[in-house]
């Protein structure tokens, strides 16, 4: 059973990180992203936004522009957790930029050649960023072009993401599928691998926004299709900010997917003018941060 048409918007991908200072340097000084907002929480998230950890944690959103028009990265930090076992479920993020490689060289950051075109930079926690040395298509275009996830069965993934979640196919080969919800959004690439899929402890989550009216029908469609619902529709509070409703799903390979209501998220995700300073302040006084 397919869901009614889903007017989705790609929002962000979640990375768990073990060292905020090293990641702040990598994402800001090397990749050239900006801190859009920084939030601190005293206990674990009801939707397991920070993973299966019931402790103090923080969320830092970084990207090349506001979340209303750009796909961004969510850096999730659990206080006291310094590293996460990497699996093979995450492929990488592709960025178009003529500046990243020169910045990496200036900071003596390791650069590897990618198979085919481009170069690879690996974040402090082991996540891959594929840099294509070309400018974005326009001055306002998002340099972040796609996120790649590995899957075990491309046909099953195609059925789930296209038929059930109603994403559009941009391109397809025997081993890859490129999907989007339309417009100039960052795309989702699914790549079939032969090794057994292992999500380990560093697994992430991809997020999309939909109008709140579309969340219940999507929930019912996934339920009717026998899909995995990790968290049925629940509301999440962020101190001093808007409340949002979220639906957390998992695809056939257990990749986590968050659908948040567009109305609440648009208010929640406003850029914070002091985001950079707040992140630096919390890094400086973090008792678990290596000095």
C-alpha atoms as a PDB file:
ATOM      1  CA  UNK A   1       0.000   0.000   0.000  1.00  0.00           C
ATOM      2  CA  UNK A   2       1.487   3.379  -0.955  1.00  0.00           C
ATOM      3  CA  UNK A   3       1.168   6.492   1.134  1.00  0.00           C
ATOM      4  CA  UNK A   4      -0.670   9.486  -0.223  1.00  0.00           C
ATOM      5  CA  UNK A   5       1.679  11.849  -2.028  1.00  0.00           C
ATOM      6  CA  UNK A   6       4.308  12.977   0.470  1.00  0.00           C
ATOM      7  CA  UNK A   7       5.351  16.637   0.002  1.00  0.00           C
ATOM      8  CA  UNK A   8       8.651  16.066   1.761  1.00  0.00           C
ATOM      9  CA  UNK A   9      11.683  18.303   2.211  1.00  0.00           C
ATOM     10  CA  UNK A  10      15.135  16.895   2.970  1.00  0.00           C
ATOM     11  CA  UNK A  11      16.458  18.469   6.181  1.00  0.00           C
ATOM     12  CA  UNK A  12      19.568  16.919   7.677  1.00  0.00           C
ATOM     13  CA  UNK A  13      21.599  13.847   8.526  1.00  0.00           C
ATOM     14  CA  UNK A  14      22.599  13.020  12.095  1.00  0.00           C
ATOM     15  CA  UNK A  15      26.160  12.100  13.060  1.00  0.00           C
ATOM     16  CA  UNK A  16      27.178  10.955  16.525  1.00  0.00           C
ATOM     17  CA  UNK A  17      30.502  12.562  17.444  1.00  0.00           C
ATOM     18  CA  UNK A  18      32.991  11.880  20.229  1.00  0.00           C
ATOM     19  CA  UNK A  19      35.114  15.066  20.291  1.00  0.00           C
ATOM     20  CA  UNK A  20      33.325  18.367  19.780  1.00  0.00           C
ATOM     21  CA  UNK A  21      36.510  20.437  19.474  1.00  0.00           C
ATOM     22  CA  UNK A  22      37.963  18.325  16.652  1.00  0.00           C
ATOM     23  CA  UNK A  23      34.619  18.245  14.855  1.00  0.00           C
ATOM     24  CA  UNK A  24      34.115  21.996  15.279  1.00  0.00           C
ATOM     25  CA  UNK A  25      37.477  22.503  13.580  1.00  0.00           C
ATOM     26  CA  UNK A  26      36.715  20.041  10.773  1.00  0.00           C
ATOM     27  CA  UNK A  27      33.229  21.288   9.909  1.00  0.00           C
ATOM     28  CA  UNK A  28      34.020  25.001  10.297  1.00  0.00           C
ATOM     29  CA  UNK A  29      37.660  25.503   9.303  1.00  0.00           C
ATOM     30  CA  UNK A  30      38.008  22.661   6.771  1.00  0.00           C
ATOM     31  CA  UNK A  31      34.546  22.174   5.226  1.00  0.00           C
ATOM     32  CA  UNK A  32      33.634  25.836   5.718  1.00  0.00           C
ATOM     33  CA  UNK A  33      30.233  25.255   7.304  1.00  0.00           C
ATOM     34  CA  UNK A  34      28.618  27.618   9.805  1.00  0.00           C
ATOM     35  CA  UNK A  35      27.038  26.811  13.147  1.00  0.00           C
ATOM     36  CA  UNK A  36      23.319  27.449  12.656  1.00  0.00           C
ATOM     37  CA  UNK A  37      22.159  26.595  16.163  1.00  0.00           C
ATOM     38  CA  UNK A  38      23.412  24.819  19.276  1.00  0.00           C
ATOM     39  CA  UNK A  39      21.158  23.176  21.864  1.00  0.00           C
ATOM     40  CA  UNK A  40      21.927  21.505  25.195  1.00  0.00           C
ATOM     41  CA  UNK A  41      19.761  18.844  26.858  1.00  0.00           C
ATOM     42  CA  UNK A  42      19.891  17.468  30.408  1.00  0.00           C
ATOM     43  CA  UNK A  43      18.535  14.017  29.579  1.00  0.00           C
ATOM     44  CA  UNK A  44      18.021  11.662  26.661  1.00  0.00           C
ATOM     45  CA  UNK A  45      15.563  12.382  23.853  1.00  0.00           C
ATOM     46  CA  UNK A  46      12.190  10.577  23.855  1.00  0.00           C
ATOM     47  CA  UNK A  47      12.696   9.890  20.138  1.00  0.00           C
ATOM     48  CA  UNK A  48      16.294   8.717  20.740  1.00  0.00           C
ATOM     49  CA  UNK A  49      17.619  11.689  18.760  1.00  0.00           C
ATOM     50  CA  UNK A  50      20.933  11.164  20.578  1.00  0.00           C
ATOM     51  CA  UNK A  51      20.824   7.388  20.234  1.00  0.00           C
ATOM     52  CA  UNK A  52      20.020   4.942  23.062  1.00  0.00           C
ATOM     53  CA  UNK A  53      21.609   7.149  25.720  1.00  0.00           C
ATOM     54  CA  UNK A  54      19.757   8.631  28.683  1.00  0.00           C
ATOM     55  CA  UNK A  55      22.271  11.292  29.615  1.00  0.00           C
ATOM     56  CA  UNK A  56      23.214  14.903  29.081  1.00  0.00           C
ATOM     57  CA  UNK A  57      23.792  15.631  25.387  1.00  0.00           C
ATOM     58  CA  UNK A  58      23.984  18.398  22.827  1.00  0.00           C
ATOM     59  CA  UNK A  59      22.902  19.032  19.263  1.00  0.00           C
ATOM     60  CA  UNK A  60      24.804  21.313  16.891  1.00  0.00           C
ATOM     61  CA  UNK A  61      23.401  22.078  13.442  1.00  0.00           C
ATOM     62  CA  UNK A  62      26.021  23.044  10.852  1.00  0.00           C
ATOM     63  CA  UNK A  63      25.678  23.828   7.151  1.00  0.00           C
ATOM     64  CA  UNK A  64      26.170  26.234   4.272  1.00  0.00           C
ATOM     65  CA  UNK A  65      22.969  28.176   4.828  1.00  0.00           C
ATOM     66  CA  UNK A  66      19.744  28.244   6.849  1.00  0.00           C
ATOM     67  CA  UNK A  67      17.822  25.042   7.364  1.00  0.00           C
ATOM     68  CA  UNK A  68      14.868  26.528   5.495  1.00  0.00           C
ATOM     69  CA  UNK A  69      16.816  26.273   2.228  1.00  0.00           C
ATOM     70  CA  UNK A  70      19.835  23.996   2.826  1.00  0.00           C
ATOM     71  CA  UNK A  71      20.472  20.385   3.788  1.00  0.00           C
ATOM     72  CA  UNK A  72      22.558  20.462   6.950  1.00  0.00           C
ATOM     73  CA  UNK A  73      24.405  18.192   9.355  1.00  0.00           C
ATOM     74  CA  UNK A  74      23.321  17.496  12.930  1.00  0.00           C
ATOM     75  CA  UNK A  75      26.253  16.776  15.245  1.00  0.00           C
ATOM     76  CA  UNK A  76      25.019  14.825  18.261  1.00  0.00           C
ATOM     77  CA  UNK A  77      27.332  14.701  21.261  1.00  0.00           C
ATOM     78  CA  UNK A  78      26.707  12.521  24.319  1.00  0.00           C
ATOM     79  CA  UNK A  79      28.672  13.749  27.308  1.00  0.00           C
ATOM     80  CA  UNK A  80      31.206  11.134  28.377  1.00  0.00           C
ATOM     81  CA  UNK A  81      31.011   9.060  25.165  1.00  0.00           C
ATOM     82  CA  UNK A  82      34.306   9.638  23.351  1.00  0.00           C
ATOM     83  CA  UNK A  83      33.908   7.308  20.366  1.00  0.00           C
ATOM     84  CA  UNK A  84      31.463   5.078  18.502  1.00  0.00           C
ATOM     85  CA  UNK A  85      32.081   1.818  16.660  1.00  0.00           C
ATOM     86  CA  UNK A  86      31.765   2.471  12.932  1.00  0.00           C
ATOM     87  CA  UNK A  87      29.744   0.165  10.713  1.00  0.00           C
ATOM     88  CA  UNK A  88      29.456   0.040   6.921  1.00  0.00           C
ATOM     89  CA  UNK A  89      25.917   1.430   6.641  1.00  0.00           C
ATOM     90  CA  UNK A  90      26.904   5.013   5.809  1.00  0.00           C
ATOM     91  CA  UNK A  91      28.448   5.816   2.433  1.00  0.00           C
ATOM     92  CA  UNK A  92      29.244   9.517   2.552  1.00  0.00           C
ATOM     93  CA  UNK A  93      28.217  13.099   1.868  1.00  0.00           C
ATOM     94  CA  UNK A  94      28.977  14.712  -1.500  1.00  0.00           C
ATOM     95  CA  UNK A  95      29.834  18.425  -1.608  1.00  0.00           C
ATOM     96  CA  UNK A  96      30.597  20.683  -4.590  1.00  0.00           C
ATOM     97  CA  UNK A  97      33.217  23.268  -3.638  1.00  0.00           C
ATOM     98  CA  UNK A  98      36.313  24.927  -5.076  1.00  0.00           C
ATOM     99  CA  UNK A  99      37.500  25.993  -1.618  1.00  0.00           C
ATOM    100  CA  UNK A 100      37.480  22.928   0.633  1.00  0.00           C
ATOM    101  CA  UNK A 101      40.624  21.259  -0.698  1.00  0.00           C
ATOM    102  CA  UNK A 102      42.693  24.427  -0.351  1.00  0.00           C
ATOM    103  CA  UNK A 103      41.424  24.926   3.196  1.00  0.00           C
ATOM    104  CA  UNK A 104      42.246  21.313   4.027  1.00  0.00           C
ATOM    105  CA  UNK A 105      45.773  21.821   2.695  1.00  0.00           C
ATOM    106  CA  UNK A 106      46.183  25.007   4.740  1.00  0.00           C
ATOM    107  CA  UNK A 107      45.243  23.085   7.882  1.00  0.00           C
ATOM    108  CA  UNK A 108      47.324  20.023   6.888  1.00  0.00           C
ATOM    109  CA  UNK A 109      44.145  17.953   6.908  1.00  0.00           C
ATOM    110  CA  UNK A 110      44.495  14.574   5.119  1.00  0.00           C
ATOM    111  CA  UNK A 111      43.072  14.410   1.583  1.00  0.00           C
ATOM    112  CA  UNK A 112      42.607  11.125  -0.289  1.00  0.00           C
ATOM    113  CA  UNK A 113      41.694  10.550  -3.914  1.00  0.00           C
ATOM    114  CA  UNK A 114      38.244   9.099  -4.436  1.00  0.00           C
ATOM    115  CA  UNK A 115      37.453   6.263  -6.808  1.00  0.00           C
ATOM    116  CA  UNK A 116      36.508   8.130  -9.972  1.00  0.00           C
ATOM    117  CA  UNK A 117      36.164  11.897  -9.616  1.00  0.00           C
ATOM    118  CA  UNK A 118      36.860  13.996  -6.579  1.00  0.00           C
ATOM    119  CA  UNK A 119      38.616  13.674  -3.250  1.00  0.00           C
ATOM    120  CA  UNK A 120      37.730  12.235   0.136  1.00  0.00           C
ATOM    121  CA  UNK A 121      38.025  13.885   3.511  1.00  0.00           C
ATOM    122  CA  UNK A 122      37.302  11.791   6.598  1.00  0.00           C
ATOM    123  CA  UNK A 123      35.847  13.461   9.658  1.00  0.00           C
ATOM    124  CA  UNK A 124      37.421  12.934  13.111  1.00  0.00           C
ATOM    125  CA  UNK A 125      34.862  10.173  13.769  1.00  0.00           C
ATOM    126  CA  UNK A 126      35.354   8.397  10.431  1.00  0.00           C
ATOM    127  CA  UNK A 127      32.516   9.761   8.275  1.00  0.00           C
ATOM    128  CA  UNK A 128      33.375  10.255   4.596  1.00  0.00           C
ATOM    129  CA  UNK A 129      32.932  13.521   2.717  1.00  0.00           C
ATOM    130  CA  UNK A 130      33.375  13.396  -1.060  1.00  0.00           C
ATOM    131  CA  UNK A 131      34.508  16.741  -2.427  1.00  0.00           C
ATOM    132  CA  UNK A 132      33.952  17.546  -6.092  1.00  0.00           C
ATOM    133  CA  UNK A 133      36.242  20.463  -6.964  1.00  0.00           C
ATOM    134  CA  UNK A 134      33.650  22.567  -8.750  1.00  0.00           C
ATOM    135  CA  UNK A 135      31.456  25.469  -7.745  1.00  0.00           C
ATOM    136  CA  UNK A 136      27.740  24.986  -7.004  1.00  0.00           C
ATOM    137  CA  UNK A 137      25.434  25.635  -9.955  1.00  0.00           C
ATOM    138  CA  UNK A 138      24.533  29.128  -8.689  1.00  0.00           C
ATOM    139  CA  UNK A 139      25.424  31.542  -5.925  1.00  0.00           C
ATOM    140  CA  UNK A 140      22.396  30.470  -3.881  1.00  0.00           C
ATOM    141  CA  UNK A 141      22.680  26.744  -4.569  1.00  0.00           C
ATOM    142  CA  UNK A 142      23.447  24.404  -1.683  1.00  0.00           C
ATOM    143  CA  UNK A 143      26.998  22.976  -2.031  1.00  0.00           C
ATOM    144  CA  UNK A 144      25.856  19.824  -0.203  1.00  0.00           C
ATOM    145  CA  UNK A 145      24.456  17.661  -2.987  1.00  0.00           C
ATOM    146  CA  UNK A 146      23.743  14.181  -1.667  1.00  0.00           C
ATOM    147  CA  UNK A 147      23.897  11.700   1.181  1.00  0.00           C
ATOM    148  CA  UNK A 148      24.719   8.058   0.484  1.00  0.00           C
ATOM    149  CA  UNK A 149      23.435   5.090   2.485  1.00  0.00           C
ATOM    150  CA  UNK A 150      24.387   1.474   1.875  1.00  0.00           C
ATOM    151  CA  UNK A 151      21.673  -1.148   1.456  1.00  0.00           C
ATOM    152  CA  UNK A 152      21.562  -4.920   1.162  1.00  0.00           C
ATOM    153  CA  UNK A 153      18.783  -5.274  -1.438  1.00  0.00           C
ATOM    154  CA  UNK A 154      18.253  -2.427  -3.888  1.00  0.00           C
ATOM    155  CA  UNK A 155      14.906  -3.755  -5.117  1.00  0.00           C
ATOM    156  CA  UNK A 156      13.496  -3.835  -1.585  1.00  0.00           C
ATOM    157  CA  UNK A 157      14.895  -0.376  -0.916  1.00  0.00           C
ATOM    158  CA  UNK A 158      13.428   0.935  -4.160  1.00  0.00           C
ATOM    159  CA  UNK A 159      10.004  -0.367  -3.192  1.00  0.00           C
ATOM    160  CA  UNK A 160      10.199   1.198   0.251  1.00  0.00           C
ATOM    161  CA  UNK A 161      11.599   4.622  -0.591  1.00  0.00           C
ATOM    162  CA  UNK A 162       9.789   5.150  -3.903  1.00  0.00           C
ATOM    163  CA  UNK A 163       6.498   3.314  -3.446  1.00  0.00           C
ATOM    164  CA  UNK A 164       5.888   3.733   0.281  1.00  0.00           C
ATOM    165  CA  UNK A 165       7.651   7.016   1.088  1.00  0.00           C
ATOM    166  CA  UNK A 166       6.868   8.462  -2.369  1.00  0.00           C
ATOM    167  CA  UNK A 167      10.333   9.773  -3.230  1.00  0.00           C
ATOM    168  CA  UNK A 168      11.077  10.418  -6.902  1.00  0.00           C
ATOM    169  CA  UNK A 169      13.824   8.540  -8.747  1.00  0.00           C
ATOM    170  CA  UNK A 170      16.419  10.803 -10.354  1.00  0.00           C
ATOM    171  CA  UNK A 171      18.748   8.075 -11.622  1.00  0.00           C
ATOM    172  CA  UNK A 172      19.179   4.325 -11.295  1.00  0.00           C
ATOM    173  CA  UNK A 173      21.837   1.710 -12.071  1.00  0.00           C
ATOM    174  CA  UNK A 174      22.138  -1.958 -11.118  1.00  0.00           C
ATOM    175  CA  UNK A 175      23.703  -1.004  -7.790  1.00  0.00           C
ATOM    176  CA  UNK A 176      22.565   2.550  -7.060  1.00  0.00           C
ATOM    177  CA  UNK A 177      19.402   4.579  -6.738  1.00  0.00           C
ATOM    178  CA  UNK A 178      19.243   8.375  -6.536  1.00  0.00           C
ATOM    179  CA  UNK A 179      16.093   9.783  -4.928  1.00  0.00           C
ATOM    180  CA  UNK A 180      14.595  13.166  -4.084  1.00  0.00           C
ATOM    181  CA  UNK A 181      11.406  14.851  -2.903  1.00  0.00           C
ATOM    182  CA  UNK A 182      11.860  17.417  -5.647  1.00  0.00           C
ATOM    183  CA  UNK A 183      13.178  20.872  -6.338  1.00  0.00           C
ATOM    184  CA  UNK A 184      16.825  21.623  -5.685  1.00  0.00           C
ATOM    185  CA  UNK A 185      16.986  19.526  -2.538  1.00  0.00           C
ATOM    186  CA  UNK A 186      19.939  17.357  -1.616  1.00  0.00           C
ATOM    187  CA  UNK A 187      19.323  13.851  -2.926  1.00  0.00           C
ATOM    188  CA  UNK A 188      19.510  10.472  -1.225  1.00  0.00           C
ATOM    189  CA  UNK A 189      21.728   7.860  -2.864  1.00  0.00           C
ATOM    190  CA  UNK A 190      21.199   4.200  -2.005  1.00  0.00           C
ATOM    191  CA  UNK A 191      24.062   1.879  -2.934  1.00  0.00           C
ATOM    192  CA  UNK A 192      23.824  -1.888  -2.707  1.00  0.00           C
ATOM    193  CA  UNK A 193      26.858  -3.574  -1.151  1.00  0.00           C
ATOM    194  CA  UNK A 194      27.780  -7.258  -1.045  1.00  0.00           C
ATOM    195  CA  UNK A 195      29.074  -7.363   2.542  1.00  0.00           C
ATOM    196  CA  UNK A 196      26.606  -7.922   5.348  1.00  0.00           C
ATOM    197  CA  UNK A 197      25.275  -4.566   6.499  1.00  0.00           C
ATOM    198  CA  UNK A 198      26.505  -3.530   9.940  1.00  0.00           C
ATOM    199  CA  UNK A 199      25.134  -0.389  11.594  1.00  0.00           C
ATOM    200  CA  UNK A 200      27.327  -0.856  14.697  1.00  0.00           C
ATOM    201  CA  UNK A 201      27.076   2.034  17.218  1.00  0.00           C
ATOM    202  CA  UNK A 202      27.711   5.075  15.000  1.00  0.00           C
ATOM    203  CA  UNK A 203      24.527   4.703  12.950  1.00  0.00           C
ATOM    204  CA  UNK A 204      22.810   7.944  12.021  1.00  0.00           C
ATOM    205  CA  UNK A 205      19.391   9.189  11.010  1.00  0.00           C
ATOM    206  CA  UNK A 206      18.087  11.127   8.011  1.00  0.00           C
ATOM    207  CA  UNK A 207      15.349  13.711   8.519  1.00  0.00           C
ATOM    208  CA  UNK A 208      12.623  15.137   6.308  1.00  0.00           C
ATOM    209  CA  UNK A 209       9.915  17.725   6.938  1.00  0.00           C
ATOM    210  CA  UNK A 210       6.293  17.248   5.885  1.00  0.00           C
ATOM    211  CA  UNK A 211       3.144  19.242   6.672  1.00  0.00           C
ATOM    212  CA  UNK A 212       1.638  18.046   9.951  1.00  0.00           C
ATOM    213  CA  UNK A 213      -1.500  16.920   8.091  1.00  0.00           C
ATOM    214  CA  UNK A 214       0.615  14.384   6.173  1.00  0.00           C
ATOM    215  CA  UNK A 215       2.103  12.705   9.212  1.00  0.00           C
ATOM    216  CA  UNK A 216      -0.911  10.553  10.286  1.00  0.00           C
ATOM    217  CA  UNK A 217      -1.582   9.199   6.761  1.00  0.00           C
ATOM    218  CA  UNK A 218       2.107   8.372   6.380  1.00  0.00           C
ATOM    219  CA  UNK A 219       2.091   6.601   9.730  1.00  0.00           C
ATOM    220  CA  UNK A 220      -0.959   4.558   8.728  1.00  0.00           C
ATOM    221  CA  UNK A 221       0.477   3.672   5.312  1.00  0.00           C
ATOM    222  CA  UNK A 222       3.737   2.399   6.809  1.00  0.00           C
ATOM    223  CA  UNK A 223       1.807   0.464   9.447  1.00  0.00           C
ATOM    224  CA  UNK A 224      -0.468  -1.099   6.804  1.00  0.00           C
ATOM    225  CA  UNK A 225       2.557  -2.097   4.712  1.00  0.00           C
ATOM    226  CA  UNK A 226       4.167  -3.840   7.689  1.00  0.00           C
ATOM    227  CA  UNK A 227       6.987  -1.318   7.847  1.00  0.00           C
ATOM    228  CA  UNK A 228       8.998  -0.669  10.978  1.00  0.00           C
ATOM    229  CA  UNK A 229       7.799   2.208  13.148  1.00  0.00           C
ATOM    230  CA  UNK A 230      10.445   2.996  15.737  1.00  0.00           C
ATOM    231  CA  UNK A 231       8.454   5.812  17.322  1.00  0.00           C
ATOM    232  CA  UNK A 232       4.814   6.565  16.502  1.00  0.00           C
ATOM    233  CA  UNK A 233       3.813  10.219  16.329  1.00  0.00           C
ATOM    234  CA  UNK A 234       5.107  11.958  19.448  1.00  0.00           C
ATOM    235  CA  UNK A 235       5.822  15.557  20.396  1.00  0.00           C
ATOM    236  CA  UNK A 236       9.284  16.807  21.369  1.00  0.00           C
ATOM    237  CA  UNK A 237      10.061  19.919  23.370  1.00  0.00           C
ATOM    238  CA  UNK A 238      13.197  22.023  23.088  1.00  0.00           C
ATOM    239  CA  UNK A 239      13.628  24.493  25.991  1.00  0.00           C
ATOM    240  CA  UNK A 240      12.665  27.991  24.855  1.00  0.00           C
ATOM    241  CA  UNK A 241      11.737  26.866  21.339  1.00  0.00           C
ATOM    242  CA  UNK A 242       8.833  25.469  19.351  1.00  0.00           C
ATOM    243  CA  UNK A 243       7.412  22.015  19.994  1.00  0.00           C
ATOM    244  CA  UNK A 244       7.533  19.601  17.054  1.00  0.00           C
ATOM    245  CA  UNK A 245       5.812  16.321  16.243  1.00  0.00           C
ATOM    246  CA  UNK A 246       7.940  13.512  14.859  1.00  0.00           C
ATOM    247  CA  UNK A 247       7.446  10.085  13.341  1.00  0.00           C
ATOM    248  CA  UNK A 248      10.489   7.795  13.385  1.00  0.00           C
ATOM    249  CA  UNK A 249      10.640   4.950  10.857  1.00  0.00           C
ATOM    250  CA  UNK A 250      13.201   2.384   9.744  1.00  0.00           C
ATOM    251  CA  UNK A 251      13.718   1.139   6.190  1.00  0.00           C
ATOM    252  CA  UNK A 252      14.355  -2.530   5.269  1.00  0.00           C
ATOM    253  CA  UNK A 253      18.002  -2.154   6.381  1.00  0.00           C
ATOM    254  CA  UNK A 254      17.040  -0.376   9.621  1.00  0.00           C
ATOM    255  CA  UNK A 255      18.236   3.035   8.452  1.00  0.00           C
ATOM    256  CA  UNK A 256      16.438   5.483  10.727  1.00  0.00           C
ATOM    257  CA  UNK A 257      14.167   8.095   9.135  1.00  0.00           C
ATOM    258  CA  UNK A 258      12.571  11.042  10.908  1.00  0.00           C
ATOM    259  CA  UNK A 259       9.532  12.873   9.537  1.00  0.00           C
ATOM    260  CA  UNK A 260       9.002  16.129  11.456  1.00  0.00           C
ATOM    261  CA  UNK A 261       6.137  18.570  11.005  1.00  0.00           C
ATOM    262  CA  UNK A 262       7.104  21.478   8.736  1.00  0.00           C
ATOM    263  CA  UNK A 263       5.154  24.054  10.744  1.00  0.00           C
ATOM    264  CA  UNK A 264       6.874  23.399  14.064  1.00  0.00           C
ATOM    265  CA  UNK A 265      10.272  22.719  12.571  1.00  0.00           C
ATOM    266  CA  UNK A 266      10.288  25.973  10.620  1.00  0.00           C
ATOM    267  CA  UNK A 267      10.029  27.811  13.947  1.00  0.00           C
ATOM    268  CA  UNK A 268      12.423  25.528  15.813  1.00  0.00           C
ATOM    269  CA  UNK A 269      15.172  25.754  13.196  1.00  0.00           C
ATOM    270  CA  UNK A 270      15.677  29.511  13.074  1.00  0.00           C
ATOM    271  CA  UNK A 271      19.358  30.439  12.837  1.00  0.00           C
ATOM    272  CA  UNK A 272      20.835  31.510  16.186  1.00  0.00           C
ATOM    273  CA  UNK A 273      23.114  34.561  15.888  1.00  0.00           C
ATOM    274  CA  UNK A 274      25.171  33.336  18.858  1.00  0.00           C
ATOM    275  CA  UNK A 275      25.329  29.666  17.863  1.00  0.00           C
ATOM    276  CA  UNK A 276      29.087  29.710  17.208  1.00  0.00           C
ATOM    277  CA  UNK A 277      29.843  31.361  20.555  1.00  0.00           C
ATOM    278  CA  UNK A 278      27.564  29.026  22.492  1.00  0.00           C
ATOM    279  CA  UNK A 279      29.196  25.947  20.980  1.00  0.00           C
ATOM    280  CA  UNK A 280      32.667  27.248  21.837  1.00  0.00           C
ATOM    281  CA  UNK A 281      31.559  28.081  25.383  1.00  0.00           C
ATOM    282  CA  UNK A 282      30.286  24.560  26.029  1.00  0.00           C
ATOM    283  CA  UNK A 283      33.378  22.988  24.480  1.00  0.00           C
ATOM    284  CA  UNK A 284      35.598  25.073  26.766  1.00  0.00           C
ATOM    285  CA  UNK A 285      33.851  23.957  29.957  1.00  0.00           C
ATOM    286  CA  UNK A 286      33.194  20.337  28.982  1.00  0.00           C
ATOM    287  CA  UNK A 287      34.833  18.105  31.627  1.00  0.00           C
ATOM    288  CA  UNK A 288      35.063  15.241  29.111  1.00  0.00           C
ATOM    289  CA  UNK A 289      36.721  17.343  26.382  1.00  0.00           C
ATOM    290  CA  UNK A 290      40.445  16.530  25.969  1.00  0.00           C
ATOM    291  CA  UNK A 291      42.502  19.609  26.874  1.00  0.00           C
END
